[in-house]
Amino acid sequence: MTDKLPDRLSVNPNSPHYNEELLKRDIGIRFDGKEKTNVDEYCVSEGWIRVAAGKAVDRKGNPLTIMLKGKVEPFFKEEKKS
């Protein structure tokens, strides 16, 4: 397993950018300097993230998302050692 995150990653299993092995690790996203916990998909090179738009869902039951543009920094969260 590599410690380098891909340019684009999605949590949706139907997406071509879905990677279950990477998602098993704890990944964090900093967007414009603030950590976001509700990111569905990100793209570093294009500078955007997709987040759920409230509780709205489409006719198939998938959450509606909005795209936010800005600086995207994915990282692996370190486990705190006691």
Protein backbone atom coordinates (compact mmCIF):
# COMPACT_ATOMS: atom_id res chain seq x y z
CA MET A 1 0.00 0.00 0.00
CA THR A 2 1.29 3.42 -0.90
CA ASP A 3 1.29 6.52 1.30
CA LYS A 4 0.47 8.77 -1.67
CA LEU A 5 -3.15 9.70 -2.21
CA PRO A 6 -4.59 9.83 -5.75
CA ASP A 7 -5.45 13.07 -7.52
CA ARG A 8 -9.13 12.13 -7.40
CA LEU A 9 -11.05 9.90 -4.98
CA SER A 10 -14.73 9.19 -4.34
CA VAL A 11 -16.65 7.42 -1.56
CA ASN A 12 -19.40 6.34 -4.00
CA PRO A 13 -18.92 2.65 -5.01
CA ASN A 14 -20.47 3.36 -8.44
CA SER A 15 -17.79 5.95 -9.27
CA PRO A 16 -14.74 5.02 -11.38
CA HIS A 17 -12.66 6.95 -8.79
CA TYR A 18 -13.72 4.70 -5.89
CA ASN A 19 -10.92 2.79 -4.12
CA GLU A 20 -12.07 0.63 -1.22
CA GLU A 21 -8.55 -0.18 0.03
CA LEU A 22 -7.63 3.50 0.36
CA LEU A 23 -10.94 4.37 2.01
CA LYS A 24 -10.35 1.76 4.72
CA ARG A 25 -7.54 4.01 5.93
CA ASP A 26 -8.56 7.19 7.70
CA ILE A 27 -8.35 9.99 5.11
CA GLY A 28 -8.87 13.66 5.89
CA ILE A 29 -9.47 16.58 3.54
CA ARG A 30 -8.36 20.16 4.14
CA PHE A 31 -10.33 22.57 1.96
CA ASP A 32 -9.11 26.18 1.93
CA GLY A 33 -7.24 25.50 5.18
CA LYS A 34 -10.18 23.96 7.09
CA GLU A 35 -10.73 20.26 7.67
CA LYS A 36 -13.94 18.94 6.10
CA THR A 37 -15.62 15.74 7.27
CA ASN A 38 -18.48 15.48 4.77
CA VAL A 39 -16.59 15.20 1.46
CA ASP A 40 -18.04 12.72 -1.06
CA GLU A 41 -15.40 13.25 -3.76
CA TYR A 42 -12.36 15.43 -4.35
CA CYS A 43 -10.00 16.40 -7.18
CA VAL A 44 -6.71 18.05 -6.27
CA SER A 45 -5.60 19.07 -9.80
CA GLU A 46 -8.92 20.75 -10.63
CA GLY A 47 -9.31 22.20 -7.11
CA TRP A 48 -12.79 21.07 -6.05
CA ILE A 49 -14.70 18.89 -3.60
CA ARG A 50 -18.24 17.53 -3.65
CA VAL A 51 -20.28 17.69 -0.45
CA ALA A 52 -23.85 16.68 0.36
CA ALA A 53 -26.40 19.47 -0.08
CA GLY A 54 -28.31 19.09 3.17
CA LYS A 55 -30.67 16.14 3.40
CA ALA A 56 -31.89 16.36 -0.19
CA VAL A 57 -31.82 13.15 -2.23
CA ASP A 58 -32.42 12.32 -5.86
CA ARG A 59 -35.11 9.89 -7.06
CA LYS A 60 -32.76 6.93 -6.52
CA GLY A 61 -32.10 7.91 -2.90
CA ASN A 62 -28.57 9.22 -3.45
CA PRO A 63 -27.69 12.50 -1.72
CA LEU A 64 -27.59 15.60 -3.89
CA THR A 65 -24.13 17.15 -3.92
CA ILE A 66 -22.67 20.55 -4.64
CA MET A 67 -19.21 21.32 -5.95
CA LEU A 68 -17.04 23.76 -4.02
CA LYS A 69 -13.89 25.18 -5.63
CA GLY A 70 -10.74 25.98 -3.68
CA LYS A 71 -7.44 24.51 -2.48
CA VAL A 72 -7.77 20.77 -1.75
CA GLU A 73 -5.27 18.93 0.48
CA PRO A 74 -5.95 15.23 1.15
CA PHE A 75 -3.99 13.54 3.95
CA PHE A 76 -3.88 10.36 6.00
CA LYS A 77 -4.99 10.96 9.57
CA GLU A 78 -2.41 9.65 12.01
CA GLU A 79 -3.55 7.34 14.74
CA LYS A 80 -2.90 8.83 18.16
CA LYS A 81 -0.59 6.64 20.18
CA SER A 82 -1.27 6.43 23.90
